[in-house]
Amino acid sequence: MYKELSSGVKISITRSISISFELYLASIGWDEDKFSMEDFMASWQQYFTENAAWFDKVPHEVLVSEEFHNEIAKKVDEVMAKILGEEPTKKQIDSIAKLQKKLGTNYKYDCKAEAAYVEQLLKEKLK
C-alpha cells in the first residue's frame, strides 16, 4: 500500500517522521533514558494530523489498514536509523568544540541531528 502512494506523498511521510522525531528528541533533551516509542509515536501522530500535507491525501481505507500500519512502522524504523546513523559534519564538530571551550561545557553527541541540537543549545547559552 505504501509503495502505491505517489512519490510526493511518500516524501511528505518521510519528512513528517524526520521532523517529528527530531522535535521529540529535542523535547527530551536527547536523553535516551527518557525516550519512549509510545510517546514519540503520539508526538508524530499529533504532528502529522495537524501539520503534514500527506495525511489528507491518503485514502481513509489505506490509513486504517493493518498492512499500511506495518509498512509505516518499517519506514519509521528506517528514518530513525538514518537520523541516528548520520555522522556530525566537520563544521558542526569544530563549532561545538569552539562553543564548549568558551562555555566550559562537555556535551556529548553521536549524530548530525544531535550535534545540531547541541550546537543550538550552546549558542543559546552564549547569548
PDB file of N, CA and C in Angstrom:
ATOM      1  N   MET A   1       0.814  -1.193   0.000  1.00  0.00           N
ATOM      2  CA  MET A   1       0.000   0.000   0.000  1.00  0.00           C
ATOM      3  C   MET A   1       0.860   1.261   0.000  1.00  0.00           C
ATOM      4  N   TYR A   2       1.872   1.275   0.863  1.00  0.00           N
ATOM      5  CA  TYR A   2       2.775   2.422   0.924  1.00  0.00           C
ATOM      6  C   TYR A   2       3.450   2.635  -0.426  1.00  0.00           C
ATOM      7  N   LYS A   3       3.901   1.547  -1.033  1.00  0.00           N
ATOM      8  CA  LYS A   3       4.603   1.633  -2.312  1.00  0.00           C
ATOM      9  C   LYS A   3       3.730   2.197  -3.425  1.00  0.00           C
ATOM     10  N   GLU A   4       2.430   2.074  -3.278  1.00  0.00           N
ATOM     11  CA  GLU A   4       1.496   2.553  -4.293  1.00  0.00           C
ATOM     12  C   GLU A   4       1.209   4.051  -4.188  1.00  0.00           C
ATOM     13  N   LEU A   5       1.640   4.674  -3.099  1.00  0.00           N
ATOM     14  CA  LEU A   5       1.415   6.106  -2.937  1.00  0.00           C
ATOM     15  C   LEU A   5       2.327   6.889  -3.875  1.00  0.00           C
ATOM     16  N   SER A   6       1.935   8.109  -4.200  1.00  0.00           N
ATOM     17  CA  SER A   6       2.764   8.948  -5.073  1.00  0.00           C
ATOM     18  C   SER A   6       4.081   9.278  -4.376  1.00  0.00           C
ATOM     19  N   SER A   7       5.086   9.592  -5.157  1.00  0.00           N
ATOM     20  CA  SER A   7       6.391   9.904  -4.569  1.00  0.00           C
ATOM     21  C   SER A   7       6.294  11.132  -3.671  1.00  0.00           C
ATOM     22  N   GLY A   8       5.465  12.099  -4.039  1.00  0.00           N
ATOM     23  CA  GLY A   8       5.295  13.292  -3.206  1.00  0.00           C
ATOM     24  C   GLY A   8       4.732  12.959  -1.836  1.00  0.00           C
ATOM     25  N   VAL A   9       3.768  12.059  -1.781  1.00  0.00           N
ATOM     26  CA  VAL A   9       3.179  11.648  -0.509  1.00  0.00           C
ATOM     27  C   VAL A   9       4.208  10.882   0.315  1.00  0.00           C
ATOM     28  N   LYS A  10       4.963   9.999  -0.327  1.00  0.00           N
ATOM     29  CA  LYS A  10       5.988   9.231   0.398  1.00  0.00           C
ATOM     30  C   LYS A  10       7.067  10.162   0.959  1.00  0.00           C
ATOM     31  N   ILE A  11       7.457  11.154   0.174  1.00  0.00           N
ATOM     32  CA  ILE A  11       8.441  12.127   0.656  1.00  0.00           C
ATOM     33  C   ILE A  11       7.878  12.900   1.841  1.00  0.00           C
ATOM     34  N   SER A  12       6.614  13.292   1.750  1.00  0.00           N
ATOM     35  CA  SER A  12       5.973  14.020   2.838  1.00  0.00           C
ATOM     36  C   SER A  12       5.879  13.173   4.111  1.00  0.00           C
ATOM     37  N   ILE A  13       5.601  11.894   3.966  1.00  0.00           N
ATOM     38  CA  ILE A  13       5.557  10.988   5.119  1.00  0.00           C
ATOM     39  C   ILE A  13       6.937  10.914   5.768  1.00  0.00           C
ATOM     40  N   THR A  14       7.952  10.716   4.948  1.00  0.00           N
ATOM     41  CA  THR A  14       9.321  10.628   5.461  1.00  0.00           C
ATOM     42  C   THR A  14       9.710  11.917   6.181  1.00  0.00           C
ATOM     43  N   ARG A  15       9.386  13.046   5.577  1.00  0.00           N
ATOM     44  CA  ARG A  15       9.711  14.344   6.179  1.00  0.00           C
ATOM     45  C   ARG A  15       8.987  14.505   7.512  1.00  0.00           C
ATOM     46  N   SER A  16       7.727  14.092   7.577  1.00  0.00           N
ATOM     47  CA  SER A  16       6.982  14.238   8.830  1.00  0.00           C
ATOM     48  C   SER A  16       7.583  13.370   9.936  1.00  0.00           C
ATOM     49  N   ILE A  17       8.060  12.195   9.571  1.00  0.00           N
ATOM     50  CA  ILE A  17       8.716  11.325  10.563  1.00  0.00           C
ATOM     51  C   ILE A  17       9.997  11.992  11.048  1.00  0.00           C
ATOM     52  N   SER A  18      10.822  12.462  10.109  1.00  0.00           N
ATOM     53  CA  SER A  18      12.103  13.090  10.455  1.00  0.00           C
ATOM     54  C   SER A  18      11.912  14.301  11.360  1.00  0.00           C
ATOM     55  N   ILE A  19      11.039  15.194  10.941  1.00  0.00           N
ATOM     56  CA  ILE A  19      10.823  16.423  11.705  1.00  0.00           C
ATOM     57  C   ILE A  19      10.297  16.106  13.100  1.00  0.00           C
ATOM     58  N   SER A  20       9.293  15.250  13.180  1.00  0.00           N
ATOM     59  CA  SER A  20       8.708  14.965  14.495  1.00  0.00           C
ATOM     60  C   SER A  20       9.673  14.184  15.380  1.00  0.00           C
ATOM     61  N   PHE A  21      10.509  13.306  14.793  1.00  0.00           N
ATOM     62  CA  PHE A  21      11.493  12.570  15.588  1.00  0.00           C
ATOM     63  C   PHE A  21      12.510  13.534  16.191  1.00  0.00           C
ATOM     64  N   GLU A  22      13.019  14.438  15.376  1.00  0.00           N
ATOM     65  CA  GLU A  22      13.995  15.397  15.888  1.00  0.00           C
ATOM     66  C   GLU A  22      13.362  16.347  16.909  1.00  0.00           C
ATOM     67  N   LEU A  23      12.129  16.772  16.684  1.00  0.00           N
ATOM     68  CA  LEU A  23      11.436  17.620  17.660  1.00  0.00           C
ATOM     69  C   LEU A  23      11.208  16.872  18.969  1.00  0.00           C
ATOM     70  N   TYR A  24      10.817  15.610  18.857  1.00  0.00           N
ATOM     71  CA  TYR A  24      10.598  14.807  20.063  1.00  0.00           C
ATOM     72  C   TYR A  24      11.905  14.647  20.848  1.00  0.00           C
ATOM     73  N   LEU A  25      12.993  14.312  20.144  1.00  0.00           N
ATOM     74  CA  LEU A  25      14.277  14.143  20.819  1.00  0.00           C
ATOM     75  C   LEU A  25      14.730  15.446  21.480  1.00  0.00           C
ATOM     76  N   ALA A  26      14.512  16.564  20.818  1.00  0.00           N
ATOM     77  CA  ALA A  26      14.852  17.857  21.425  1.00  0.00           C
ATOM     78  C   ALA A  26      14.012  18.101  22.676  1.00  0.00           C
ATOM     79  N   SER A  27      12.748  17.690  22.637  1.00  0.00           N
ATOM     80  CA  SER A  27      11.857  17.901  23.791  1.00  0.00           C
ATOM     81  C   SER A  27      12.294  17.106  25.020  1.00  0.00           C
ATOM     82  N   ILE A  28      13.035  16.031  24.793  1.00  0.00           N
ATOM     83  CA  ILE A  28      13.543  15.232  25.928  1.00  0.00           C
ATOM     84  C   ILE A  28      15.045  15.451  26.125  1.00  0.00           C
ATOM     85  N   GLY A  29      15.571  16.485  25.472  1.00  0.00           N
ATOM     86  CA  GLY A  29      16.983  16.821  25.626  1.00  0.00           C
ATOM     87  C   GLY A  29      17.936  15.761  25.102  1.00  0.00           C
ATOM     88  N   TRP A  30      17.479  14.998  24.124  1.00  0.00           N
ATOM     89  CA  TRP A  30      18.266  13.902  23.547  1.00  0.00           C
ATOM     90  C   TRP A  30      18.732  12.917  24.633  1.00  0.00           C
ATOM     91  N   ASP A  31      17.942  12.771  25.681  1.00  0.00           N
ATOM     92  CA  ASP A  31      18.256  11.857  26.778  1.00  0.00           C
ATOM     93  C   ASP A  31      17.619  10.502  26.484  1.00  0.00           C
ATOM     94  N   GLU A  32      18.454   9.519  26.127  1.00  0.00           N
ATOM     95  CA  GLU A  32      17.907   8.222  25.733  1.00  0.00           C
ATOM     96  C   GLU A  32      17.169   7.518  26.868  1.00  0.00           C
ATOM     97  N   ASP A  33      17.467   7.869  28.116  1.00  0.00           N
ATOM     98  CA  ASP A  33      16.737   7.282  29.245  1.00  0.00           C
ATOM     99  C   ASP A  33      15.288   7.773  29.293  1.00  0.00           C
ATOM    100  N   LYS A  34      15.027   8.925  28.692  1.00  0.00           N
ATOM    101  CA  LYS A  34      13.671   9.476  28.668  1.00  0.00           C
ATOM    102  C   LYS A  34      12.901   9.060  27.418  1.00  0.00           C
ATOM    103  N   PHE A  35      13.570   8.403  26.474  1.00  0.00           N
ATOM    104  CA  PHE A  35      12.922   8.042  25.219  1.00  0.00           C
ATOM    105  C   PHE A  35      11.836   6.992  25.432  1.00  0.00           C
ATOM    106  N   SER A  36      10.694   7.246  24.822  1.00  0.00           N
ATOM    107  CA  SER A  36       9.587   6.298  24.842  1.00  0.00           C
ATOM    108  C   SER A  36       9.034   6.224  23.426  1.00  0.00           C
ATOM    109  N   MET A  37       9.026   5.039  22.847  1.00  0.00           N
ATOM    110  CA  MET A  37       8.495   4.876  21.495  1.00  0.00           C
ATOM    111  C   MET A  37       7.023   5.273  21.458  1.00  0.00           C
ATOM    112  N   GLU A  38       6.290   4.951  22.513  1.00  0.00           N
ATOM    113  CA  GLU A  38       4.872   5.310  22.559  1.00  0.00           C
ATOM    114  C   GLU A  38       4.700   6.828  22.545  1.00  0.00           C
ATOM    115  N   ASP A  39       5.524   7.527  23.328  1.00  0.00           N
ATOM    116  CA  ASP A  39       5.442   8.990  23.361  1.00  0.00           C
ATOM    117  C   ASP A  39       5.835   9.583  22.011  1.00  0.00           C
ATOM    118  N   PHE A  40       6.889   9.022  21.392  1.00  0.00           N
ATOM    119  CA  PHE A  40       7.277   9.526  20.077  1.00  0.00           C
ATOM    120  C   PHE A  40       6.166   9.313  19.067  1.00  0.00           C
ATOM    121  N   MET A  41       5.566   8.131  19.048  1.00  0.00           N
ATOM    122  CA  MET A  41       4.505   7.852  18.081  1.00  0.00           C
ATOM    123  C   MET A  41       3.309   8.784  18.302  1.00  0.00           C
ATOM    124  N   ALA A  42       2.987   9.062  19.560  1.00  0.00           N
ATOM    125  CA  ALA A  42       1.898  10.004  19.853  1.00  0.00           C
ATOM    126  C   ALA A  42       2.261  11.404  19.364  1.00  0.00           C
ATOM    127  N   SER A  43       3.513  11.778  19.555  1.00  0.00           N
ATOM    128  CA  SER A  43       4.000  13.075  19.087  1.00  0.00           C
ATOM    129  C   SER A  43       3.938  13.161  17.566  1.00  0.00           C
ATOM    130  N   TRP A  44       4.373  12.083  16.904  1.00  0.00           N
ATOM    131  CA  TRP A  44       4.332  12.059  15.444  1.00  0.00           C
ATOM    132  C   TRP A  44       2.894  12.116  14.941  1.00  0.00           C
ATOM    133  N   GLN A  45       2.008  11.368  15.576  1.00  0.00           N
ATOM    134  CA  GLN A  45       0.598  11.367  15.163  1.00  0.00           C
ATOM    135  C   GLN A  45       0.012  12.771  15.288  1.00  0.00           C
ATOM    136  N   GLN A  46       0.304  13.444  16.382  1.00  0.00           N
ATOM    137  CA  GLN A  46      -0.188  14.811  16.544  1.00  0.00           C
ATOM    138  C   GLN A  46       0.401  15.703  15.452  1.00  0.00           C
ATOM    139  N   TYR A  47       1.698  15.536  15.177  1.00  0.00           N
ATOM    140  CA  TYR A  47       2.346  16.354  14.154  1.00  0.00           C
ATOM    141  C   TYR A  47       1.700  16.145  12.789  1.00  0.00           C
ATOM    142  N   PHE A  48       1.557  14.875  12.379  1.00  0.00           N
ATOM    143  CA  PHE A  48       1.048  14.677  11.019  1.00  0.00           C
ATOM    144  C   PHE A  48      -0.429  15.014  10.867  1.00  0.00           C
ATOM    145  N   THR A  49      -1.209  14.865  11.920  1.00  0.00           N
ATOM    146  CA  THR A  49      -2.618  15.229  11.779  1.00  0.00           C
ATOM    147  C   THR A  49      -2.804  16.747  11.732  1.00  0.00           C
ATOM    148  N   GLU A  50      -1.902  17.491  12.385  1.00  0.00           N
ATOM    149  CA  GLU A  50      -2.026  18.944  12.423  1.00  0.00           C
ATOM    150  C   GLU A  50      -1.222  19.653  11.336  1.00  0.00           C
ATOM    151  N   ASN A  51      -0.100  19.065  10.898  1.00  0.00           N
ATOM    152  CA  ASN A  51       0.830  19.800  10.048  1.00  0.00           C
ATOM    153  C   ASN A  51       1.172  19.170   8.703  1.00  0.00           C
ATOM    154  N   ALA A  52       1.033  17.882   8.580  1.00  0.00           N
ATOM    155  CA  ALA A  52       1.544  17.206   7.383  1.00  0.00           C
ATOM    156  C   ALA A  52       0.531  17.199   6.248  1.00  0.00           C
ATOM    157  N   ALA A  53       1.017  17.536   5.071  1.00  0.00           N
ATOM    158  CA  ALA A  53       0.151  17.589   3.889  1.00  0.00           C
ATOM    159  C   ALA A  53      -0.304  16.195   3.441  1.00  0.00           C
ATOM    160  N   TRP A  54       0.475  15.171   3.729  1.00  0.00           N
ATOM    161  CA  TRP A  54       0.170  13.837   3.218  1.00  0.00           C
ATOM    162  C   TRP A  54      -1.074  13.224   3.844  1.00  0.00           C
ATOM    163  N   PHE A  55      -1.369  13.567   5.075  1.00  0.00           N
ATOM    164  CA  PHE A  55      -2.442  12.896   5.811  1.00  0.00           C
ATOM    165  C   PHE A  55      -3.782  12.984   5.089  1.00  0.00           C
ATOM    166  N   ASP A  56      -4.075  14.137   4.516  1.00  0.00           N
ATOM    167  CA  ASP A  56      -5.344  14.316   3.810  1.00  0.00           C
ATOM    168  C   ASP A  56      -5.338  13.707   2.411  1.00  0.00           C
ATOM    169  N   LYS A  57      -4.166  13.305   1.931  1.00  0.00           N
ATOM    170  CA  LYS A  57      -4.052  12.768   0.572  1.00  0.00           C
ATOM    171  C   LYS A  57      -4.105  11.242   0.519  1.00  0.00           C
ATOM    172  N   VAL A  58      -4.040  10.611   1.683  1.00  0.00           N
ATOM    173  CA  VAL A  58      -4.090   9.142   1.734  1.00  0.00           C
ATOM    174  C   VAL A  58      -5.525   8.731   2.042  1.00  0.00           C
ATOM    175  N   PRO A  59      -6.091   7.856   1.214  1.00  0.00           N
ATOM    176  CA  PRO A  59      -7.480   7.420   1.449  1.00  0.00           C
ATOM    177  C   PRO A  59      -7.660   6.803   2.836  1.00  0.00           C
ATOM    178  N   HIS A  60      -8.813   7.048   3.423  1.00  0.00           N
ATOM    179  CA  HIS A  60      -9.105   6.560   4.779  1.00  0.00           C
ATOM    180  C   HIS A  60      -8.910   5.046   4.893  1.00  0.00           C
ATOM    181  N   GLU A  61      -9.361   4.289   3.877  1.00  0.00           N
ATOM    182  CA  GLU A  61      -9.229   2.822   3.956  1.00  0.00           C
ATOM    183  C   GLU A  61      -7.761   2.386   3.999  1.00  0.00           C
ATOM    184  N   VAL A  62      -6.877   3.181   3.401  1.00  0.00           N
ATOM    185  CA  VAL A  62      -5.438   2.895   3.476  1.00  0.00           C
ATOM    186  C   VAL A  62      -4.933   3.232   4.872  1.00  0.00           C
ATOM    187  N   LEU A  63      -5.306   4.399   5.372  1.00  0.00           N
ATOM    188  CA  LEU A  63      -4.851   4.843   6.695  1.00  0.00           C
ATOM    189  C   LEU A  63      -5.195   3.859   7.807  1.00  0.00           C
ATOM    190  N   VAL A  64      -6.316   3.190   7.699  1.00  0.00           N
ATOM    191  CA  VAL A  64      -6.747   2.291   8.778  1.00  0.00           C
ATOM    192  C   VAL A  64      -6.336   0.835   8.562  1.00  0.00           C
ATOM    193  N   SER A  65      -5.697   0.547   7.438  1.00  0.00           N
ATOM    194  CA  SER A  65      -5.351  -0.854   7.159  1.00  0.00           C
ATOM    195  C   SER A  65      -4.114  -1.306   7.942  1.00  0.00           C
ATOM    196  N   GLU A  66      -4.142  -2.545   8.356  1.00  0.00           N
ATOM    197  CA  GLU A  66      -3.026  -3.129   9.104  1.00  0.00           C
ATOM    198  C   GLU A  66      -1.763  -3.178   8.251  1.00  0.00           C
ATOM    199  N   GLU A  67      -1.924  -3.483   6.977  1.00  0.00           N
ATOM    200  CA  GLU A  67      -0.768  -3.543   6.071  1.00  0.00           C
ATOM    201  C   GLU A  67      -0.054  -2.186   6.014  1.00  0.00           C
ATOM    202  N   PHE A  68      -0.823  -1.116   5.884  1.00  0.00           N
ATOM    203  CA  PHE A  68      -0.243   0.226   5.839  1.00  0.00           C
ATOM    204  C   PHE A  68       0.469   0.540   7.150  1.00  0.00           C
ATOM    205  N   HIS A  69      -0.129   0.188   8.269  1.00  0.00           N
ATOM    206  CA  HIS A  69       0.498   0.432   9.573  1.00  0.00           C
ATOM    207  C   HIS A  69       1.823  -0.307   9.695  1.00  0.00           C
ATOM    208  N   ASN A  70       1.870  -1.546   9.215  1.00  0.00           N
ATOM    209  CA  ASN A  70       3.123  -2.309   9.253  1.00  0.00           C
ATOM    210  C   ASN A  70       4.186  -1.674   8.365  1.00  0.00           C
ATOM    211  N   GLU A  71       3.786  -1.212   7.191  1.00  0.00           N
ATOM    212  CA  GLU A  71       4.730  -0.566   6.275  1.00  0.00           C
ATOM    213  C   GLU A  71       5.235   0.757   6.860  1.00  0.00           C
ATOM    214  N   ILE A  72       4.351   1.499   7.491  1.00  0.00           N
ATOM    215  CA  ILE A  72       4.745   2.762   8.116  1.00  0.00           C
ATOM    216  C   ILE A  72       5.681   2.504   9.294  1.00  0.00           C
ATOM    217  N   ALA A  73       5.424   1.456  10.060  1.00  0.00           N
ATOM    218  CA  ALA A  73       6.314   1.111  11.175  1.00  0.00           C
ATOM    219  C   ALA A  73       7.724   0.838  10.663  1.00  0.00           C
ATOM    220  N   LYS A  74       7.841   0.139   9.547  1.00  0.00           N
ATOM    221  CA  LYS A  74       9.153  -0.116   8.943  1.00  0.00           C
ATOM    222  C   LYS A  74       9.793   1.193   8.496  1.00  0.00           C
ATOM    223  N   LYS A  75       8.998   2.087   7.926  1.00  0.00           N
ATOM    224  CA  LYS A  75       9.508   3.379   7.470  1.00  0.00           C
ATOM    225  C   LYS A  75      10.005   4.204   8.653  1.00  0.00           C
ATOM    226  N   VAL A  76       9.260   4.190   9.734  1.00  0.00           N
ATOM    227  CA  VAL A  76       9.678   4.913  10.947  1.00  0.00           C
ATOM    228  C   VAL A  76      11.020   4.380  11.423  1.00  0.00           C
ATOM    229  N   ASP A  77      11.160   3.062  11.479  1.00  0.00           N
ATOM    230  CA  ASP A  77      12.435   2.458  11.892  1.00  0.00           C
ATOM    231  C   ASP A  77      13.578   2.878  10.978  1.00  0.00           C
ATOM    232  N   GLU A  78      13.328   2.885   9.665  1.00  0.00           N
ATOM    233  CA  GLU A  78      14.361   3.278   8.694  1.00  0.00           C
ATOM    234  C   GLU A  78      14.788   4.731   8.888  1.00  0.00           C
ATOM    235  N   VAL A  79      13.811   5.608   9.046  1.00  0.00           N
ATOM    236  CA  VAL A  79      14.108   7.034   9.207  1.00  0.00           C
ATOM    237  C   VAL A  79      14.872   7.277  10.501  1.00  0.00           C
ATOM    238  N   MET A  80      14.439   6.643  11.584  1.00  0.00           N
ATOM    239  CA  MET A  80      15.139   6.793  12.862  1.00  0.00           C
ATOM    240  C   MET A  80      16.574   6.306  12.750  1.00  0.00           C
ATOM    241  N   ALA A  81      16.780   5.153  12.124  1.00  0.00           N
ATOM    242  CA  ALA A  81      18.127   4.602  11.969  1.00  0.00           C
ATOM    243  C   ALA A  81      18.999   5.535  11.127  1.00  0.00           C
ATOM    244  N   LYS A  82      18.424   6.098  10.082  1.00  0.00           N
ATOM    245  CA  LYS A  82      19.184   7.008   9.225  1.00  0.00           C
ATOM    246  C   LYS A  82      19.607   8.259  10.003  1.00  0.00           C
ATOM    247  N   ILE A  83      18.677   8.846  10.743  1.00  0.00           N
ATOM    248  CA  ILE A  83      18.982  10.047  11.525  1.00  0.00           C
ATOM    249  C   ILE A  83      20.057   9.750  12.560  1.00  0.00           C
ATOM    250  N   LEU A  84      19.892   8.656  13.281  1.00  0.00           N
ATOM    251  CA  LEU A  84      20.835   8.321  14.356  1.00  0.00           C
ATOM    252  C   LEU A  84      22.187   7.852  13.830  1.00  0.00           C
ATOM    253  N   GLY A  85      22.232   7.425  12.562  1.00  0.00           N
ATOM    254  CA  GLY A  85      23.473   6.918  11.989  1.00  0.00           C
ATOM    255  C   GLY A  85      24.277   7.935  11.203  1.00  0.00           C
ATOM    256  N   GLU A  86      23.711   9.119  10.993  1.00  0.00           N
ATOM    257  CA  GLU A  86      24.401  10.133  10.196  1.00  0.00           C
ATOM    258  C   GLU A  86      25.434  10.865  11.054  1.00  0.00           C
ATOM    259  N   GLU A  87      26.677  10.810  10.629  1.00  0.00           N
ATOM    260  CA  GLU A  87      27.787  11.402  11.384  1.00  0.00           C
ATOM    261  C   GLU A  87      27.694  12.930  11.401  1.00  0.00           C
ATOM    262  N   PRO A  88      28.110  13.545  12.506  1.00  0.00           N
ATOM    263  CA  PRO A  88      28.182  15.011  12.541  1.00  0.00           C
ATOM    264  C   PRO A  88      29.178  15.506  11.495  1.00  0.00           C
ATOM    265  N   THR A  89      28.937  16.698  10.978  1.00  0.00           N
ATOM    266  CA  THR A  89      29.859  17.263   9.990  1.00  0.00           C
ATOM    267  C   THR A  89      31.081  17.846  10.698  1.00  0.00           C
ATOM    268  N   LYS A  90      32.140  18.018   9.944  1.00  0.00           N
ATOM    269  CA  LYS A  90      33.350  18.647  10.493  1.00  0.00           C
ATOM    270  C   LYS A  90      33.030  20.048  10.986  1.00  0.00           C
ATOM    271  N   LYS A  91      32.203  20.759  10.233  1.00  0.00           N
ATOM    272  CA  LYS A  91      31.810  22.117  10.621  1.00  0.00           C
ATOM    273  C   LYS A  91      31.092  22.103  11.972  1.00  0.00           C
ATOM    274  N   GLN A  92      30.195  21.144  12.177  1.00  0.00           N
ATOM    275  CA  GLN A  92      29.488  21.037  13.456  1.00  0.00           C
ATOM    276  C   GLN A  92      30.465  20.721  14.587  1.00  0.00           C
ATOM    277  N   ILE A  93      31.332  19.761  14.339  1.00  0.00           N
ATOM    278  CA  ILE A  93      32.310  19.352  15.363  1.00  0.00           C
ATOM    279  C   ILE A  93      33.173  20.536  15.776  1.00  0.00           C
ATOM    280  N   ASP A  94      33.675  21.279  14.781  1.00  0.00           N
ATOM    281  CA  ASP A  94      34.530  22.434  15.067  1.00  0.00           C
ATOM    282  C   ASP A  94      33.757  23.522  15.814  1.00  0.00           C
ATOM    283  N   SER A  95      32.548  23.802  15.369  1.00  0.00           N
ATOM    284  CA  SER A  95      31.731  24.831  16.002  1.00  0.00           C
ATOM    285  C   SER A  95      31.406  24.463  17.446  1.00  0.00           C
ATOM    286  N   ILE A  96      31.019  23.218  17.675  1.00  0.00           N
ATOM    287  CA  ILE A  96      30.689  22.770  19.033  1.00  0.00           C
ATOM    288  C   ILE A  96      31.916  22.815  19.928  1.00  0.00           C
ATOM    289  N   ALA A  97      33.047  22.396  19.407  1.00  0.00           N
ATOM    290  CA  ALA A  97      34.289  22.427  20.197  1.00  0.00           C
ATOM    291  C   ALA A  97      34.618  23.858  20.622  1.00  0.00           C
ATOM    292  N   LYS A  98      34.472  24.794  19.698  1.00  0.00           N
ATOM    293  CA  LYS A  98      34.753  26.202  19.986  1.00  0.00           C
ATOM    294  C   LYS A  98      33.781  26.740  21.036  1.00  0.00           C
ATOM    295  N   LEU A  99      32.510  26.425  20.871  1.00  0.00           N
ATOM    296  CA  LEU A  99      31.494  26.888  21.820  1.00  0.00           C
ATOM    297  C   LEU A  99      31.703  26.261  23.199  1.00  0.00           C
ATOM    298  N   GLN A 100      32.036  24.997  23.235  1.00  0.00           N
ATOM    299  CA  GLN A 100      32.234  24.316  24.521  1.00  0.00           C
ATOM    300  C   GLN A 100      33.448  24.882  25.247  1.00  0.00           C
ATOM    301  N   LYS A 101      34.467  25.229  24.488  1.00  0.00           N
ATOM    302  CA  LYS A 101      35.659  25.818  25.106  1.00  0.00           C
ATOM    303  C   LYS A 101      35.307  27.157  25.750  1.00  0.00           C
ATOM    304  N   LYS A 102      34.510  27.976  25.041  1.00  0.00           N
ATOM    305  CA  LYS A 102      34.088  29.275  25.579  1.00  0.00           C
ATOM    306  C   LYS A 102      33.230  29.118  26.825  1.00  0.00           C
ATOM    307  N   LEU A 103      32.360  28.118  26.816  1.00  0.00           N
ATOM    308  CA  LEU A 103      31.384  27.950  27.896  1.00  0.00           C
ATOM    309  C   LEU A 103      31.847  26.998  29.000  1.00  0.00           C
ATOM    310  N   GLY A 104      32.926  26.267  28.746  1.00  0.00           N
ATOM    311  CA  GLY A 104      33.402  25.302  29.735  1.00  0.00           C
ATOM    312  C   GLY A 104      32.468  24.110  29.905  1.00  0.00           C
ATOM    313  N   THR A 105      31.838  23.702  28.812  1.00  0.00           N
ATOM    314  CA  THR A 105      30.917  22.570  28.875  1.00  0.00           C
ATOM    315  C   THR A 105      31.535  21.355  28.181  1.00  0.00           C
ATOM    316  N   ASN A 106      30.874  20.229  28.328  1.00  0.00           N
ATOM    317  CA  ASN A 106      31.367  18.998  27.716  1.00  0.00           C
ATOM    318  C   ASN A 106      30.196  18.132  27.254  1.00  0.00           C
ATOM    319  N   TYR A 107      29.356  18.691  26.405  1.00  0.00           N
ATOM    320  CA  TYR A 107      28.220  17.938  25.883  1.00  0.00           C
ATOM    321  C   TYR A 107      28.706  16.878  24.903  1.00  0.00           C
ATOM    322  N   LYS A 108      28.079  15.732  24.972  1.00  0.00           N
ATOM    323  CA  LYS A 108      28.372  14.635  24.041  1.00  0.00           C
ATOM    324  C   LYS A 108      27.280  14.589  22.982  1.00  0.00           C
ATOM    325  N   TYR A 109      27.635  14.131  21.811  1.00  0.00           N
ATOM    326  CA  TYR A 109      26.680  13.982  20.718  1.00  0.00           C
ATOM    327  C   TYR A 109      27.189  12.890  19.803  1.00  0.00           C
ATOM    328  N   ASP A 110      26.264  12.157  19.220  1.00  0.00           N
ATOM    329  CA  ASP A 110      26.646  10.995  18.426  1.00  0.00           C
ATOM    330  C   ASP A 110      26.266  11.068  16.952  1.00  0.00           C
ATOM    331  N   CYS A 111      25.374  11.968  16.596  1.00  0.00           N
ATOM    332  CA  CYS A 111      24.939  12.029  15.205  1.00  0.00           C
ATOM    333  C   CYS A 111      24.757  13.488  14.786  1.00  0.00           C
ATOM    334  N   LYS A 112      24.550  13.677  13.509  1.00  0.00           N
ATOM    335  CA  LYS A 112      24.416  15.024  12.948  1.00  0.00           C
ATOM    336  C   LYS A 112      23.244  15.786  13.575  1.00  0.00           C
ATOM    337  N   ALA A 113      22.114  15.123  13.733  1.00  0.00           N
ATOM    338  CA  ALA A 113      20.936  15.786  14.292  1.00  0.00           C
ATOM    339  C   ALA A 113      21.161  16.169  15.755  1.00  0.00           C
ATOM    340  N   GLU A 114      21.798  15.301  16.513  1.00  0.00           N
ATOM    341  CA  GLU A 114      22.084  15.616  17.909  1.00  0.00           C
ATOM    342  C   GLU A 114      23.119  16.735  17.987  1.00  0.00           C
ATOM    343  N   ALA A 115      24.082  16.732  17.078  1.00  0.00           N
ATOM    344  CA  ALA A 115      25.076  17.807  17.032  1.00  0.00           C
ATOM    345  C   ALA A 115      24.387  19.144  16.760  1.00  0.00           C
ATOM    346  N   ALA A 116      23.410  19.151  15.868  1.00  0.00           N
ATOM    347  CA  ALA A 116      22.660  20.379  15.582  1.00  0.00           C
ATOM    348  C   ALA A 116      21.937  20.862  16.840  1.00  0.00           C
ATOM    349  N   TYR A 117      21.372  19.923  17.584  1.00  0.00           N
ATOM    350  CA  TYR A 117      20.694  20.259  18.831  1.00  0.00           C
ATOM    351  C   TYR A 117      21.687  20.857  19.835  1.00  0.00           C
ATOM    352  N   VAL A 118      22.825  20.195  20.018  1.00  0.00           N
ATOM    353  CA  VAL A 118      23.840  20.662  20.971  1.00  0.00           C
ATOM    354  C   VAL A 118      24.383  22.027  20.549  1.00  0.00           C
ATOM    355  N   GLU A 119      24.654  22.182  19.268  1.00  0.00           N
ATOM    356  CA  GLU A 119      25.177  23.453  18.773  1.00  0.00           C
ATOM    357  C   GLU A 119      24.195  24.595  19.067  1.00  0.00           C
ATOM    358  N   GLN A 120      22.911  24.362  18.812  1.00  0.00           N
ATOM    359  CA  GLN A 120      21.894  25.377  19.082  1.00  0.00           C
ATOM    360  C   GLN A 120      21.797  25.664  20.577  1.00  0.00           C
ATOM    361  N   LEU A 121      21.846  24.624  21.384  1.00  0.00           N
ATOM    362  CA  LEU A 121      21.788  24.774  22.831  1.00  0.00           C
ATOM    363  C   LEU A 121      22.948  25.635  23.321  1.00  0.00           C
ATOM    364  N   LEU A 122      24.138  25.382  22.818  1.00  0.00           N
ATOM    365  CA  LEU A 122      25.321  26.140  23.222  1.00  0.00           C
ATOM    366  C   LEU A 122      25.234  27.588  22.757  1.00  0.00           C
ATOM    367  N   LYS A 123      24.742  27.789  21.557  1.00  0.00           N
ATOM    368  CA  LYS A 123      24.588  29.170  21.057  1.00  0.00           C
ATOM    369  C   LYS A 123      23.598  29.944  21.925  1.00  0.00           C
ATOM    370  N   GLU A 124      22.533  29.276  22.369  1.00  0.00           N
ATOM    371  CA  GLU A 124      21.560  29.923  23.247  1.00  0.00           C
ATOM    372  C   GLU A 124      22.189  30.279  24.599  1.00  0.00           C
ATOM    373  N   LYS A 125      23.025  29.392  25.106  1.00  0.00           N
ATOM    374  CA  LYS A 125      23.688  29.654  26.391  1.00  0.00           C
ATOM    375  C   LYS A 125      24.662  30.808  26.276  1.00  0.00           C
ATOM    376  N   LEU A 126      25.233  30.983  25.114  1.00  0.00           N
ATOM    377  CA  LEU A 126      26.223  32.036  24.891  1.00  0.00           C
ATOM    378  C   LEU A 126      25.576  33.421  24.858  1.00  0.00           C
ATOM    379  N   LYS A 127      24.300  33.476  24.515  1.00  0.00           N
ATOM    380  CA  LYS A 127      23.597  34.767  24.410  1.00  0.00           C
ATOM    381  C   LYS A 127      23.433  35.445  25.759  1.00  0.00           C
TER     382      LYS A 127
END
